C-alpha atoms as a PDB file:
ATOM      1  CA  MET A   1      99.574  95.040 119.058  1.00  0.00           C
ATOM      2  CA  LYS A   2     102.084  94.205 116.386  1.00  0.00           C
ATOM      3  CA  LEU A   3     103.606  96.677 113.932  1.00  0.00           C
ATOM      4  CA  TYR A   4     104.747  95.297 110.608  1.00  0.00           C
ATOM      5  CA  PHE A   5     107.595  97.465 109.356  1.00  0.00           C
ATOM      6  CA  SER A   6     110.411  97.833 106.869  1.00  0.00           C
ATOM      7  CA  PRO A   7     113.495  99.698 108.140  1.00  0.00           C
ATOM      8  CA  GLY A   8     113.361 103.411 107.437  1.00  0.00           C
ATOM      9  CA  ALA A   9     110.131 103.146 105.436  1.00  0.00           C
ATOM     10  CA  CYS A  10     106.983 105.110 106.268  1.00  0.00           C
ATOM     11  CA  SER A  11     106.331 102.546 109.022  1.00  0.00           C
ATOM     12  CA  LEU A  12     108.958 104.409 111.071  1.00  0.00           C
ATOM     13  CA  SER A  13     106.283 107.042 111.734  1.00  0.00           C
ATOM     14  CA  PRO A  14     103.879 104.729 113.647  1.00  0.00           C
ATOM     15  CA  HIS A  15     106.899 103.054 115.272  1.00  0.00           C
ATOM     16  CA  ILE A  16     107.828 106.452 116.721  1.00  0.00           C
ATOM     17  CA  ALA A  17     104.213 107.111 117.701  1.00  0.00           C
ATOM     18  CA  LEU A  18     103.926 103.801 119.573  1.00  0.00           C
ATOM     19  CA  LEU A  19     107.050 104.572 121.587  1.00  0.00           C
ATOM     20  CA  GLU A  20     105.983 108.163 122.255  1.00  0.00           C
ATOM     21  CA  ALA A  21     102.615 106.834 123.459  1.00  0.00           C
ATOM     22  CA  GLY A  22     104.261 104.309 125.777  1.00  0.00           C
ATOM     23  CA  LEU A  23     102.057 101.487 124.501  1.00  0.00           C
ATOM     24  CA  ALA A  24     102.872  97.778 124.607  1.00  0.00           C
ATOM     25  CA  PHE A  25     103.607  96.377 121.152  1.00  0.00           C
ATOM     26  CA  THR A  26     105.824  94.041 119.195  1.00  0.00           C
ATOM     27  CA  THR A  27     107.314  94.478 115.747  1.00  0.00           C
ATOM     28  CA  GLU A  28     107.931  92.197 112.800  1.00  0.00           C
ATOM     29  CA  ARG A  29     110.110  93.113 109.870  1.00  0.00           C
ATOM     30  CA  VAL A  30     108.729  92.751 106.358  1.00  0.00           C
ATOM     31  CA  ASP A  31     110.653  92.113 103.148  1.00  0.00           C
ATOM     32  CA  ILE A  32     108.563  94.316 100.871  1.00  0.00           C
ATOM     33  CA  ARG A  33     110.034  92.931  97.659  1.00  0.00           C
ATOM     34  CA  LYS A  34     109.388  89.302  98.591  1.00  0.00           C
ATOM     35  CA  LYS A  35     106.179  90.109 100.503  1.00  0.00           C
ATOM     36  CA  LEU A  36     107.359  87.960 103.405  1.00  0.00           C
ATOM     37  CA  THR A  37     107.547  88.681 107.122  1.00  0.00           C
ATOM     38  CA  ALA A  38     110.634  87.841 109.141  1.00  0.00           C
ATOM     39  CA  GLY A  39     108.699  84.829 110.443  1.00  0.00           C
ATOM     40  CA  GLY A  40     108.085  83.575 106.904  1.00  0.00           C
ATOM     41  CA  ALA A  41     104.413  84.551 106.641  1.00  0.00           C
ATOM     42  CA  ASP A  42     102.850  85.827 103.423  1.00  0.00           C
ATOM     43  CA  PHE A  43     102.552  89.561 104.060  1.00  0.00           C
ATOM     44  CA  ASN A  44      99.842  89.902 101.403  1.00  0.00           C
ATOM     45  CA  ALA A  45      97.651  87.717 103.604  1.00  0.00           C
ATOM     46  CA  ILE A  46      98.143  90.216 106.446  1.00  0.00           C
ATOM     47  CA  ASN A  47      97.794  93.353 104.344  1.00  0.00           C
ATOM     48  CA  PRO A  48      96.434  92.711 100.821  1.00  0.00           C
ATOM     49  CA  LYS A  49      97.739  96.158  99.830  1.00  0.00           C
ATOM     50  CA  GLY A  50     101.212  94.654 100.086  1.00  0.00           C
ATOM     51  CA  TYR A  51     102.976  97.535 101.806  1.00  0.00           C
ATOM     52  CA  VAL A  52     103.833  98.743 105.297  1.00  0.00           C
ATOM     53  CA  PRO A  53     102.787  99.943 107.761  1.00  0.00           C
ATOM     54  CA  ALA A  54     100.238  97.496 109.056  1.00  0.00           C
ATOM     55  CA  LEU A  55      99.201  97.411 112.700  1.00  0.00           C
ATOM     56  CA  GLN A  56      97.651  94.213 113.976  1.00  0.00           C
ATOM     57  CA  LEU A  57      95.352  95.055 116.867  1.00  0.00           C
ATOM     58  CA  ASP A  58      94.785  92.930 119.935  1.00  0.00           C
ATOM     59  CA  ASP A  59      91.531  91.574 118.501  1.00  0.00           C
ATOM     60  CA  GLY A  60      93.399  90.298 115.427  1.00  0.00           C
ATOM     61  CA  SER A  61      92.110  92.944 113.029  1.00  0.00           C
ATOM     62  CA  VAL A  62      94.617  94.908 110.962  1.00  0.00           C
ATOM     63  CA  LEU A  63      94.737  98.661 110.480  1.00  0.00           C
ATOM     64  CA  THR A  64      96.646 100.081 107.500  1.00  0.00           C
ATOM     65  CA  GLU A  65      97.640 103.507 106.136  1.00  0.00           C
ATOM     66  CA  GLY A  66     100.105 105.513 108.199  1.00  0.00           C
ATOM     67  CA  PRO A  67      97.997 108.614 108.915  1.00  0.00           C
ATOM     68  CA  ALA A  68      95.109 106.479 110.192  1.00  0.00           C
ATOM     69  CA  ILE A  69      97.442 104.326 112.280  1.00  0.00           C
ATOM     70  CA  VAL A  70      99.184 107.237 114.010  1.00  0.00           C
ATOM     71  CA  GLN A  71      95.849 108.898 114.773  1.00  0.00           C
ATOM     72  CA  TYR A  72      94.629 105.622 116.274  1.00  0.00           C
ATOM     73  CA  ILE A  73      97.786 105.333 118.387  1.00  0.00           C
ATOM     74  CA  ALA A  74      97.435 108.923 119.591  1.00  0.00           C
ATOM     75  CA  ASP A  75      93.819 108.287 120.593  1.00  0.00           C
ATOM     76  CA  LEU A  76      94.872 105.251 122.664  1.00  0.00           C
ATOM     77  CA  ALA A  77      97.073 107.442 124.858  1.00  0.00           C
ATOM     78  CA  PRO A  78      95.261 110.793 125.212  1.00  0.00           C
ATOM     79  CA  GLU A  79      97.376 111.702 128.230  1.00  0.00           C
ATOM     80  CA  LYS A  80     100.434 111.927 125.949  1.00  0.00           C
ATOM     81  CA  GLN A  81      98.729 114.629 123.848  1.00  0.00           C
ATOM     82  CA  LEU A  82     100.137 113.305 120.569  1.00  0.00           C
ATOM     83  CA  THR A  83      97.110 114.804 118.827  1.00  0.00           C
ATOM     84  CA  PRO A  84      95.176 117.932 119.804  1.00  0.00           C
ATOM     85  CA  ALA A  85      91.736 117.473 121.345  1.00  0.00           C
ATOM     86  CA  ALA A  86      89.057 116.191 118.970  1.00  0.00           C
ATOM     87  CA  GLY A  87      86.922 119.011 117.643  1.00  0.00           C
ATOM     88  CA  SER A  88      89.560 121.685 118.260  1.00  0.00           C
ATOM     89  CA  ALA A  89      90.948 123.840 115.463  1.00  0.00           C
ATOM     90  CA  GLU A  90      94.391 122.373 116.101  1.00  0.00           C
ATOM     91  CA  HIS A  91      93.045 118.846 115.640  1.00  0.00           C
ATOM     92  CA  TYR A  92      91.926 119.687 112.126  1.00  0.00           C
ATOM     93  CA  GLN A  93      95.285 121.343 111.489  1.00  0.00           C
ATOM     94  CA  LEU A  94      96.911 118.042 112.467  1.00  0.00           C
ATOM     95  CA  LEU A  95      94.692 116.181 109.989  1.00  0.00           C
ATOM     96  CA  GLU A  96      95.611 118.773 107.371  1.00  0.00           C
ATOM     97  CA  TRP A  97      99.318 118.104 107.959  1.00  0.00           C
ATOM     98  CA  LEU A  98      98.921 114.320 107.904  1.00  0.00           C
ATOM     99  CA  ASN A  99      97.151 114.581 104.560  1.00  0.00           C
ATOM    100  CA  PHE A 100      99.669 117.046 103.143  1.00  0.00           C
ATOM    101  CA  ILE A 101     102.664 114.941 104.182  1.00  0.00           C
ATOM    102  CA  GLY A 102     101.039 111.781 102.826  1.00  0.00           C
ATOM    103  CA  THR A 103      99.908 113.101  99.463  1.00  0.00           C
ATOM    104  CA  GLU A 104     102.305 115.917  98.655  1.00  0.00           C
ATOM    105  CA  LEU A 105     105.597 114.747 100.201  1.00  0.00           C
ATOM    106  CA  HIS A 106     105.430 110.994 100.777  1.00  0.00           C
ATOM    107  CA  LYS A 107     103.971 110.097  97.386  1.00  0.00           C
ATOM    108  CA  ASN A 108     106.294 112.388  95.460  1.00  0.00           C
ATOM    109  CA  PHE A 109     109.293 110.395  96.683  1.00  0.00           C
ATOM    110  CA  GLY A 110     107.893 107.345  94.862  1.00  0.00           C
ATOM    111  CA  PRO A 111     109.395 108.126  91.440  1.00  0.00           C
ATOM    112  CA  LEU A 112     112.796 108.766  93.030  1.00  0.00           C
ATOM    113  CA  PHE A 113     112.832 105.293  94.601  1.00  0.00           C
ATOM    114  CA  ASN A 114     111.527 103.571  91.473  1.00  0.00           C
ATOM    115  CA  PRO A 115     114.361 102.438  89.154  1.00  0.00           C
ATOM    116  CA  ALA A 116     111.878 102.320  86.279  1.00  0.00           C
ATOM    117  CA  SER A 117     111.190 106.067  86.495  1.00  0.00           C
ATOM    118  CA  GLY A 118     112.555 108.095  83.610  1.00  0.00           C
ATOM    119  CA  ASP A 119     114.665 111.211  84.086  1.00  0.00           C
ATOM    120  CA  ASP A 120     111.753 113.489  83.202  1.00  0.00           C
ATOM    121  CA  VAL A 121     109.502 111.843  85.796  1.00  0.00           C
ATOM    122  CA  LYS A 122     112.216 112.133  88.453  1.00  0.00           C
ATOM    123  CA  ALA A 123     112.839 115.768  87.574  1.00  0.00           C
ATOM    124  CA  ALA A 124     109.139 116.545  87.915  1.00  0.00           C
ATOM    125  CA  ALA A 125     109.026 114.810  91.303  1.00  0.00           C
ATOM    126  CA  ARG A 126     112.038 116.797  92.509  1.00  0.00           C
ATOM    127  CA  ALA A 127     110.442 120.047  91.370  1.00  0.00           C
ATOM    128  CA  THR A 128     107.258 119.213  93.246  1.00  0.00           C
ATOM    129  CA  LEU A 129     109.181 118.214  96.370  1.00  0.00           C
ATOM    130  CA  THR A 130     111.078 121.512  96.240  1.00  0.00           C
ATOM    131  CA  ARG A 131     107.809 123.447  96.321  1.00  0.00           C
ATOM    132  CA  ARG A 132     106.229 121.255  99.006  1.00  0.00           C
ATOM    133  CA  PHE A 133     109.251 121.205 101.310  1.00  0.00           C
ATOM    134  CA  GLY A 134     109.513 124.949 100.821  1.00  0.00           C
ATOM    135  CA  TYR A 135     105.977 125.305 102.133  1.00  0.00           C
ATOM    136  CA  ALA A 136     106.656 123.063 105.147  1.00  0.00           C
ATOM    137  CA  ALA A 137     109.859 124.936 105.956  1.00  0.00           C
ATOM    138  CA  GLN A 138     108.055 128.265 105.749  1.00  0.00           C
ATOM    139  CA  ARG A 139     105.440 127.031 108.203  1.00  0.00           C
ATOM    140  CA  LEU A 140     108.186 125.873 110.582  1.00  0.00           C
ATOM    141  CA  GLU A 141     109.878 129.282 110.724  1.00  0.00           C
ATOM    142  CA  GLY A 142     109.969 130.333 114.360  1.00  0.00           C
ATOM    143  CA  ARG A 143     108.206 127.134 115.468  1.00  0.00           C
ATOM    144  CA  GLU A 144     109.386 123.909 117.041  1.00  0.00           C
ATOM    145  CA  TYR A 145     106.475 121.751 115.889  1.00  0.00           C
ATOM    146  CA  LEU A 146     103.934 121.665 113.075  1.00  0.00           C
ATOM    147  CA  VAL A 147     100.868 122.079 115.296  1.00  0.00           C
ATOM    148  CA  GLY A 148     100.708 124.006 118.551  1.00  0.00           C
ATOM    149  CA  GLU A 149     103.514 123.896 121.071  1.00  0.00           C
ATOM    150  CA  ARG A 150     103.876 120.129 121.470  1.00  0.00           C
ATOM    151  CA  PHE A 151     105.207 117.185 119.500  1.00  0.00           C
ATOM    152  CA  SER A 152     102.431 115.448 117.580  1.00  0.00           C
ATOM    153  CA  VAL A 153     102.154 112.423 115.322  1.00  0.00           C
ATOM    154  CA  ALA A 154     102.417 114.806 112.351  1.00  0.00           C
ATOM    155  CA  ASP A 155     105.951 115.710 113.429  1.00  0.00           C
ATOM    156  CA  GLY A 156     106.962 112.057 113.472  1.00  0.00           C
ATOM    157  CA  TYR A 157     105.555 111.596 109.975  1.00  0.00           C
ATOM    158  CA  LEU A 158     107.324 114.654 108.523  1.00  0.00           C
ATOM    159  CA  PHE A 159     110.588 113.557 110.154  1.00  0.00           C
ATOM    160  CA  THR A 160     110.264 110.095 108.604  1.00  0.00           C
ATOM    161  CA  VAL A 161     109.574 111.367 105.099  1.00  0.00           C
ATOM    162  CA  ALA A 162     112.186 114.148 105.186  1.00  0.00           C
ATOM    163  CA  ASN A 163     114.787 111.542 106.184  1.00  0.00           C
ATOM    164  CA  TRP A 164     114.404 110.003 102.734  1.00  0.00           C
ATOM    165  CA  ALA A 165     115.944 113.111 101.192  1.00  0.00           C
ATOM    166  CA  ALA A 166     119.451 111.893 102.022  1.00  0.00           C
ATOM    167  CA  VAL A 167     118.746 108.497 100.428  1.00  0.00           C
ATOM    168  CA  VAL A 168     117.773 110.011  97.067  1.00  0.00           C
ATOM    169  CA  ARG A 169     120.279 112.895  97.292  1.00  0.00           C
ATOM    170  CA  PHE A 170     117.660 115.584  97.615  1.00  0.00           C
ATOM    171  CA  ASP A 171     119.377 118.476  99.387  1.00  0.00           C
ATOM    172  CA  LEU A 172     117.477 120.139 102.243  1.00  0.00           C
ATOM    173  CA  ALA A 173     120.157 122.813 102.750  1.00  0.00           C
ATOM    174  CA  ALA A 174     117.899 125.536 101.317  1.00  0.00           C
ATOM    175  CA  TRP A 175     115.596 125.212 104.326  1.00  0.00           C
ATOM    176  CA  PRO A 176     117.412 125.791 107.645  1.00  0.00           C
ATOM    177  CA  ALA A 177     114.133 125.658 109.584  1.00  0.00           C
ATOM    178  CA  LEU A 178     113.428 122.194 108.199  1.00  0.00           C
ATOM    179  CA  GLN A 179     116.976 121.022 108.906  1.00  0.00           C
ATOM    180  CA  ALA A 180     116.715 122.308 112.486  1.00  0.00           C
ATOM    181  CA  PHE A 181     113.373 120.504 112.829  1.00  0.00           C
ATOM    182  CA  GLN A 182     114.966 117.234 111.698  1.00  0.00           C
ATOM    183  CA  VAL A 183     117.770 117.565 114.241  1.00  0.00           C
ATOM    184  CA  ARG A 184     115.309 118.440 117.003  1.00  0.00           C
ATOM    185  CA  ILE A 185     112.993 115.498 116.310  1.00  0.00           C
ATOM    186  CA  ALA A 186     115.912 113.076 115.834  1.00  0.00           C
ATOM    187  CA  ALA A 187     117.083 113.867 119.369  1.00  0.00           C
ATOM    188  CA  ARG A 188     113.848 112.690 120.997  1.00  0.00           C
ATOM    189  CA  PRO A 189     114.364 109.460 123.001  1.00  0.00           C
ATOM    190  CA  ALA A 190     111.455 107.669 121.308  1.00  0.00           C
ATOM    191  CA  VAL A 191     112.800 108.562 117.872  1.00  0.00           C
ATOM    192  CA  GLN A 192     116.268 107.364 118.824  1.00  0.00           C
ATOM    193  CA  GLN A 193     114.803 104.092 120.122  1.00  0.00           C
ATOM    194  CA  ALA A 194     112.705 103.498 116.996  1.00  0.00           C
ATOM    195  CA  MET A 195     115.703 104.081 114.768  1.00  0.00           C
ATOM    196  CA  ARG A 196     117.884 101.792 116.868  1.00  0.00           C
ATOM    197  CA  ASP A 197     115.200  99.095 116.778  1.00  0.00           C
ATOM    198  CA  GLU A 198     115.108  99.310 112.974  1.00  0.00           C
ATOM    199  CA  GLY A 199     118.882  99.205 112.647  1.00  0.00           C
ATOM    200  CA  LEU A 200     119.111 102.773 111.367  1.00  0.00           C
ATOM    201  CA  LEU A 201     121.625 103.947 113.968  1.00  0.00           C
ATOM    202  CA  GLY A 202     125.112 102.618 114.567  1.00  0.00           C
END
């Protein structure tokens, strides 16, 4: 398998999942602005959507969309228990979190990264993020992970998205449980390795 990524982007989530799963894979960096891979290939030909992550499978097919990719990775290594058992209540809670992170947190960072966004649009995005992070922090009170008692692919996704807060100067200080979660997940060996591989650590 090959993961197409951009450093620190949402592709960090499947990068973490691949390492947590212990699967064999390679990576190739993508210049999202130029739509070129590090090898000079047209990224739009690989993923017509034009954004990361994209996971090229061993049969040559390409899977896109982070939540689908991390669920696929988790299913390839069931012994790692990166997702609760299919059909269990916790499995649907995991899907709930993946959807919430993707639609309510991930997408609301978009206006803050877009230089064309007006001040009113950015203010609205920050207000929404404040409510959504508040909910996530509340759910993390007294818990180490989002679902059950083990690390799951949802934790890797929340960690990735919450890391963007520092980039756009969105202060997480109001939520100690979320800050503690970030520190806890950052200390995992697979997370450290993914961040080193993407040049995010010194």
